[in-house]
N, C-alpha and C. Protein backbone atom coordinates (compact mmCIF):
# COMPACT_ATOMS: atom_id res chain seq x y z
N MET A 1 11.75 44.69 22.81
CA MET A 1 11.59 43.66 21.81
C MET A 1 10.53 42.65 22.25
N SER A 2 9.79 42.18 21.30
CA SER A 2 8.78 41.18 21.62
C SER A 2 9.35 39.79 21.36
N HIS A 3 8.75 38.81 21.95
CA HIS A 3 9.22 37.44 21.76
C HIS A 3 8.65 36.87 20.47
N LYS A 4 9.32 35.87 19.94
CA LYS A 4 8.87 35.24 18.71
C LYS A 4 7.89 34.12 19.05
N ILE A 5 6.74 34.13 18.40
CA ILE A 5 5.73 33.11 18.64
C ILE A 5 6.14 31.83 17.92
N SER A 6 6.17 30.72 18.64
CA SER A 6 6.58 29.47 18.00
C SER A 6 5.42 28.49 17.89
N GLY A 7 4.25 28.85 18.39
CA GLY A 7 3.08 27.99 18.28
C GLY A 7 2.30 28.28 17.01
N PRO A 8 1.20 27.58 16.81
CA PRO A 8 0.41 27.77 15.59
C PRO A 8 -0.32 29.11 15.57
N SER A 9 -0.41 29.71 14.40
CA SER A 9 -1.13 30.96 14.26
C SER A 9 -2.48 30.74 13.58
N ASN A 10 -2.71 29.55 13.04
CA ASN A 10 -3.97 29.21 12.38
C ASN A 10 -5.07 29.07 13.43
N TYR A 11 -6.17 29.75 13.22
CA TYR A 11 -7.28 29.74 14.19
C TYR A 11 -7.82 28.33 14.41
N HIS A 12 -8.01 27.56 13.33
CA HIS A 12 -8.60 26.23 13.44
C HIS A 12 -7.70 25.26 14.21
N ILE A 13 -6.41 25.37 14.02
CA ILE A 13 -5.48 24.51 14.76
C ILE A 13 -5.46 24.90 16.23
N ARG A 14 -5.48 26.19 16.53
CA ARG A 14 -5.52 26.63 17.93
C ARG A 14 -6.79 26.14 18.61
N LYS A 15 -7.93 26.21 17.90
CA LYS A 15 -9.21 25.72 18.45
C LYS A 15 -9.14 24.22 18.69
N LEU A 16 -8.57 23.47 17.74
CA LEU A 16 -8.41 22.02 17.91
C LEU A 16 -7.57 21.71 19.13
N ILE A 17 -6.48 22.43 19.32
CA ILE A 17 -5.60 22.22 20.47
C ILE A 17 -6.37 22.44 21.77
N ARG A 18 -7.16 23.52 21.83
CA ARG A 18 -7.97 23.79 23.04
C ARG A 18 -9.00 22.70 23.29
N ASP A 19 -9.69 22.26 22.22
CA ASP A 19 -10.71 21.23 22.37
C ASP A 19 -10.11 19.91 22.85
N LEU A 20 -8.95 19.56 22.30
CA LEU A 20 -8.28 18.32 22.73
C LEU A 20 -7.85 18.42 24.19
N TRP A 21 -7.33 19.57 24.59
CA TRP A 21 -6.84 19.75 25.96
C TRP A 21 -7.99 19.70 26.97
N LYS A 22 -9.15 20.28 26.60
CA LYS A 22 -10.29 20.34 27.51
C LYS A 22 -10.86 18.96 27.84
N THR A 23 -10.60 17.95 27.01
CA THR A 23 -11.15 16.62 27.28
C THR A 23 -10.57 16.01 28.54
N LYS A 24 -9.36 16.45 28.92
CA LYS A 24 -8.65 15.94 30.09
C LYS A 24 -8.38 14.44 30.01
N ILE A 25 -8.33 13.91 28.80
CA ILE A 25 -8.00 12.50 28.58
C ILE A 25 -6.57 12.44 28.07
N LYS A 26 -5.82 11.50 28.60
CA LYS A 26 -4.37 11.45 28.41
C LYS A 26 -3.95 11.47 26.93
N ILE A 27 -4.57 10.63 26.11
CA ILE A 27 -4.14 10.54 24.71
C ILE A 27 -4.41 11.84 23.97
N TRP A 28 -5.56 12.47 24.23
CA TRP A 28 -5.88 13.72 23.53
C TRP A 28 -5.02 14.87 24.02
N LYS A 29 -4.63 14.84 25.30
CA LYS A 29 -3.72 15.87 25.82
C LYS A 29 -2.34 15.74 25.18
N LYS A 30 -1.89 14.49 24.93
CA LYS A 30 -0.60 14.29 24.27
C LYS A 30 -0.63 14.84 22.84
N VAL A 31 -1.71 14.56 22.12
CA VAL A 31 -1.84 15.07 20.75
C VAL A 31 -1.88 16.60 20.77
N SER A 32 -2.61 17.17 21.72
CA SER A 32 -2.70 18.62 21.86
C SER A 32 -1.32 19.23 22.10
N LYS A 33 -0.56 18.62 22.97
CA LYS A 33 0.77 19.13 23.29
C LYS A 33 1.69 19.07 22.07
N LYS A 34 1.59 17.98 21.30
CA LYS A 34 2.42 17.83 20.10
C LYS A 34 2.06 18.89 19.05
N LEU A 35 0.76 19.17 18.91
CA LEU A 35 0.32 20.16 17.92
C LEU A 35 0.61 21.59 18.34
N SER A 36 0.74 21.84 19.64
CA SER A 36 0.92 23.22 20.10
C SER A 36 2.35 23.71 19.95
N GLY A 37 3.27 22.85 19.63
CA GLY A 37 4.65 23.27 19.43
C GLY A 37 4.87 23.87 18.05
N PRO A 38 6.10 24.18 17.73
CA PRO A 38 6.42 24.73 16.41
C PRO A 38 6.12 23.74 15.30
N ARG A 39 5.82 24.25 14.12
CA ARG A 39 5.49 23.39 12.97
C ARG A 39 6.66 22.48 12.60
N ARG A 40 7.85 22.94 12.80
CA ARG A 40 9.02 22.12 12.43
C ARG A 40 9.14 20.87 13.30
N ASN A 41 8.46 20.84 14.45
CA ASN A 41 8.50 19.67 15.33
C ASN A 41 7.35 18.71 15.09
N ARG A 42 6.48 19.00 14.12
CA ARG A 42 5.36 18.10 13.82
C ARG A 42 5.85 16.90 13.05
N ILE A 43 5.06 15.85 13.06
CA ILE A 43 5.42 14.59 12.43
C ILE A 43 5.10 14.64 10.94
N ASP A 44 6.03 14.18 10.11
CA ASP A 44 5.80 13.92 8.69
C ASP A 44 5.94 12.42 8.51
N ALA A 45 4.82 11.73 8.32
CA ALA A 45 4.82 10.27 8.26
C ALA A 45 4.60 9.79 6.84
N ASN A 46 5.48 8.93 6.36
CA ASN A 46 5.31 8.31 5.05
C ASN A 46 4.46 7.06 5.20
N LEU A 47 3.75 6.70 4.11
CA LEU A 47 2.86 5.55 4.16
C LEU A 47 3.60 4.25 4.44
N TYR A 48 4.83 4.11 3.95
CA TYR A 48 5.54 2.85 4.20
C TYR A 48 5.85 2.67 5.68
N ARG A 49 6.12 3.76 6.41
CA ARG A 49 6.35 3.67 7.87
C ARG A 49 5.06 3.33 8.60
N ILE A 50 3.97 3.95 8.17
CA ILE A 50 2.68 3.65 8.78
C ILE A 50 2.33 2.19 8.55
N ASN A 51 2.55 1.70 7.34
CA ASN A 51 2.24 0.30 7.00
C ASN A 51 3.07 -0.66 7.83
N LYS A 52 4.34 -0.32 8.05
CA LYS A 52 5.25 -1.20 8.78
C LYS A 52 4.91 -1.26 10.28
N LYS A 53 4.44 -0.18 10.86
CA LYS A 53 4.25 -0.10 12.31
C LYS A 53 2.81 -0.31 12.77
N THR A 54 1.89 -0.64 11.86
CA THR A 54 0.49 -0.84 12.25
C THR A 54 0.00 -2.22 11.85
N LYS A 55 -1.13 -2.61 12.44
CA LYS A 55 -1.78 -3.87 12.11
C LYS A 55 -3.13 -3.58 11.48
N LYS A 56 -3.77 -4.62 10.99
CA LYS A 56 -5.07 -4.48 10.35
C LYS A 56 -6.09 -3.91 11.33
N ASN A 57 -6.92 -2.99 10.84
CA ASN A 57 -8.02 -2.35 11.57
C ASN A 57 -7.56 -1.49 12.75
N ASP A 58 -6.32 -1.02 12.76
CA ASP A 58 -5.86 -0.08 13.79
C ASP A 58 -6.44 1.30 13.52
N THR A 59 -6.53 2.09 14.57
CA THR A 59 -6.91 3.50 14.46
C THR A 59 -5.74 4.31 14.97
N ILE A 60 -5.19 5.18 14.11
CA ILE A 60 -4.02 5.97 14.50
C ILE A 60 -4.28 7.46 14.31
N VAL A 61 -3.55 8.26 15.07
CA VAL A 61 -3.56 9.72 14.95
C VAL A 61 -2.16 10.16 14.59
N VAL A 62 -2.04 10.93 13.53
CA VAL A 62 -0.76 11.50 13.13
C VAL A 62 -0.84 13.00 13.39
N PRO A 63 -0.13 13.51 14.42
CA PRO A 63 -0.19 14.94 14.70
C PRO A 63 0.72 15.72 13.75
N GLY A 64 0.39 15.68 12.48
CA GLY A 64 1.18 16.34 11.45
C GLY A 64 0.64 15.97 10.09
N LYS A 65 1.56 15.72 9.15
CA LYS A 65 1.19 15.49 7.75
C LYS A 65 1.55 14.07 7.32
N ILE A 66 0.71 13.49 6.46
CA ILE A 66 0.99 12.18 5.88
C ILE A 66 1.46 12.40 4.46
N LEU A 67 2.59 11.77 4.13
CA LEU A 67 3.17 11.87 2.79
C LEU A 67 2.97 10.56 2.05
N GLY A 68 2.95 10.61 0.73
CA GLY A 68 2.56 9.46 -0.08
C GLY A 68 3.66 8.52 -0.52
N ILE A 69 4.77 8.44 0.18
CA ILE A 69 5.84 7.52 -0.21
C ILE A 69 5.53 6.15 0.38
N GLY A 70 5.36 5.16 -0.47
CA GLY A 70 5.05 3.81 -0.02
C GLY A 70 3.58 3.49 -0.27
N ASP A 71 3.16 2.32 0.23
CA ASP A 71 1.79 1.84 0.05
C ASP A 71 1.27 1.24 1.34
N LEU A 72 -0.05 1.09 1.43
CA LEU A 72 -0.68 0.40 2.55
C LEU A 72 -1.20 -0.94 2.03
N ASP A 73 -1.01 -2.00 2.81
CA ASP A 73 -1.54 -3.30 2.39
C ASP A 73 -2.59 -3.84 3.36
N HIS A 74 -3.06 -3.02 4.29
CA HIS A 74 -4.14 -3.41 5.19
C HIS A 74 -5.01 -2.20 5.53
N ASN A 75 -6.21 -2.47 6.05
CA ASN A 75 -7.16 -1.40 6.35
C ASN A 75 -6.81 -0.71 7.66
N LEU A 76 -6.91 0.61 7.64
CA LEU A 76 -6.66 1.43 8.82
C LEU A 76 -7.67 2.56 8.87
N THR A 77 -7.79 3.17 10.02
CA THR A 77 -8.46 4.45 10.14
C THR A 77 -7.40 5.44 10.58
N ILE A 78 -7.14 6.43 9.74
CA ILE A 78 -6.06 7.38 9.99
C ILE A 78 -6.65 8.77 10.17
N ALA A 79 -6.31 9.40 11.29
CA ALA A 79 -6.70 10.78 11.54
C ALA A 79 -5.43 11.62 11.51
N CYS A 80 -5.46 12.71 10.76
CA CYS A 80 -4.26 13.54 10.65
C CYS A 80 -4.65 15.00 10.49
N LEU A 81 -3.66 15.86 10.64
CA LEU A 81 -3.87 17.28 10.46
C LEU A 81 -4.02 17.62 8.98
N GLU A 82 -3.15 17.04 8.16
CA GLU A 82 -3.21 17.22 6.72
C GLU A 82 -2.51 16.06 6.03
N SER A 83 -2.75 15.93 4.71
CA SER A 83 -2.12 14.86 3.94
C SER A 83 -1.90 15.34 2.51
N SER A 84 -0.94 14.72 1.85
CA SER A 84 -0.67 15.07 0.45
C SER A 84 -1.72 14.41 -0.44
N LYS A 85 -1.84 14.89 -1.67
CA LYS A 85 -2.82 14.34 -2.61
C LYS A 85 -2.53 12.88 -2.91
N SER A 86 -1.25 12.54 -3.11
CA SER A 86 -0.90 11.15 -3.43
C SER A 86 -1.18 10.23 -2.25
N ALA A 87 -0.99 10.73 -1.03
CA ALA A 87 -1.28 9.91 0.15
C ALA A 87 -2.78 9.64 0.25
N LYS A 88 -3.60 10.66 -0.03
CA LYS A 88 -5.06 10.48 -0.01
C LYS A 88 -5.49 9.39 -0.98
N LYS A 89 -4.97 9.47 -2.21
CA LYS A 89 -5.34 8.48 -3.23
C LYS A 89 -4.95 7.07 -2.80
N LYS A 90 -3.73 6.91 -2.29
CA LYS A 90 -3.25 5.59 -1.90
C LYS A 90 -4.02 5.04 -0.70
N ILE A 91 -4.37 5.90 0.24
CA ILE A 91 -5.12 5.47 1.42
C ILE A 91 -6.51 5.00 1.01
N GLU A 92 -7.18 5.77 0.16
CA GLU A 92 -8.52 5.40 -0.29
C GLU A 92 -8.50 4.15 -1.16
N SER A 93 -7.46 3.98 -1.98
CA SER A 93 -7.39 2.80 -2.84
C SER A 93 -7.10 1.52 -2.04
N SER A 94 -6.51 1.64 -0.86
CA SER A 94 -6.23 0.46 -0.04
C SER A 94 -7.44 0.06 0.81
N GLY A 95 -8.50 0.84 0.78
CA GLY A 95 -9.70 0.53 1.57
C GLY A 95 -9.66 1.13 2.96
N SER A 96 -8.67 1.94 3.24
CA SER A 96 -8.55 2.59 4.55
C SER A 96 -9.37 3.88 4.57
N LYS A 97 -9.56 4.42 5.78
CA LYS A 97 -10.32 5.65 5.95
C LYS A 97 -9.39 6.75 6.42
N LEU A 98 -9.49 7.92 5.79
CA LEU A 98 -8.73 9.10 6.18
C LEU A 98 -9.70 10.13 6.71
N ILE A 99 -9.54 10.52 7.99
CA ILE A 99 -10.43 11.49 8.60
C ILE A 99 -9.60 12.56 9.31
N SER A 100 -10.26 13.62 9.72
CA SER A 100 -9.57 14.67 10.46
C SER A 100 -9.52 14.30 11.94
N ILE A 101 -8.67 14.97 12.67
CA ILE A 101 -8.54 14.71 14.11
C ILE A 101 -9.84 15.11 14.82
N GLU A 102 -10.50 16.17 14.35
CA GLU A 102 -11.77 16.59 14.94
C GLU A 102 -12.82 15.50 14.83
N GLU A 103 -12.90 14.86 13.64
CA GLU A 103 -13.87 13.80 13.43
C GLU A 103 -13.60 12.62 14.36
N LEU A 104 -12.33 12.26 14.51
CA LEU A 104 -11.99 11.14 15.39
C LEU A 104 -12.32 11.48 16.84
N LEU A 105 -12.11 12.72 17.24
CA LEU A 105 -12.45 13.15 18.60
C LEU A 105 -13.96 13.03 18.83
N LYS A 106 -14.78 13.38 17.82
CA LYS A 106 -16.23 13.24 17.95
C LYS A 106 -16.65 11.78 17.99
N GLN A 107 -16.02 10.93 17.15
CA GLN A 107 -16.36 9.51 17.09
C GLN A 107 -15.92 8.76 18.33
N ASN A 108 -14.76 9.12 18.87
CA ASN A 108 -14.17 8.38 19.98
C ASN A 108 -13.67 9.36 21.05
N PRO A 109 -14.57 9.98 21.82
CA PRO A 109 -14.13 10.99 22.78
C PRO A 109 -13.25 10.45 23.90
N LYS A 110 -13.37 9.17 24.22
CA LYS A 110 -12.55 8.56 25.27
C LYS A 110 -11.15 8.20 24.76
N GLY A 111 -11.00 8.08 23.44
CA GLY A 111 -9.70 7.76 22.87
C GLY A 111 -9.31 6.29 23.00
N SER A 112 -10.29 5.42 23.24
CA SER A 112 -9.96 4.01 23.45
C SER A 112 -9.60 3.35 22.12
N GLY A 113 -8.52 2.61 22.12
CA GLY A 113 -8.06 1.90 20.92
C GLY A 113 -7.33 2.77 19.92
N VAL A 114 -7.06 4.01 20.25
CA VAL A 114 -6.39 4.94 19.35
C VAL A 114 -4.91 4.98 19.70
N LYS A 115 -4.06 4.93 18.67
CA LYS A 115 -2.61 5.02 18.87
C LYS A 115 -2.09 6.31 18.25
N ILE A 116 -1.14 6.93 18.93
CA ILE A 116 -0.49 8.12 18.37
C ILE A 116 0.72 7.65 17.57
N PHE A 117 0.83 8.12 16.34
CA PHE A 117 1.95 7.72 15.49
C PHE A 117 3.03 8.78 15.54
N TYR A 118 4.22 8.40 16.03
CA TYR A 118 5.35 9.33 16.10
C TYR A 118 6.35 9.05 15.03
């Protein structure tokens, strides 16, 4: 019998995990480790939780999906694996920026000022 694979099977996510791990920077290694586990262990973050736990002009990484329940009342830069359509609309209407984790890695390779949202 073969073992059951519990990590990601998507090529792009596996490549992202490798790229994050190769940086050897603590914050990116943590995000890589979180993404390399099973999908059921990934974060599903609602906008009201993000709004409650962040301040104006923060940069956060969500190693999972952003859902559109709630609103944002301040500007943020949010990097995530994926987001719902309603979350995208609400983030853009609040003046915040929604980018991919790859883009944030290119913009900020050292990871300074970036918070991981659990």
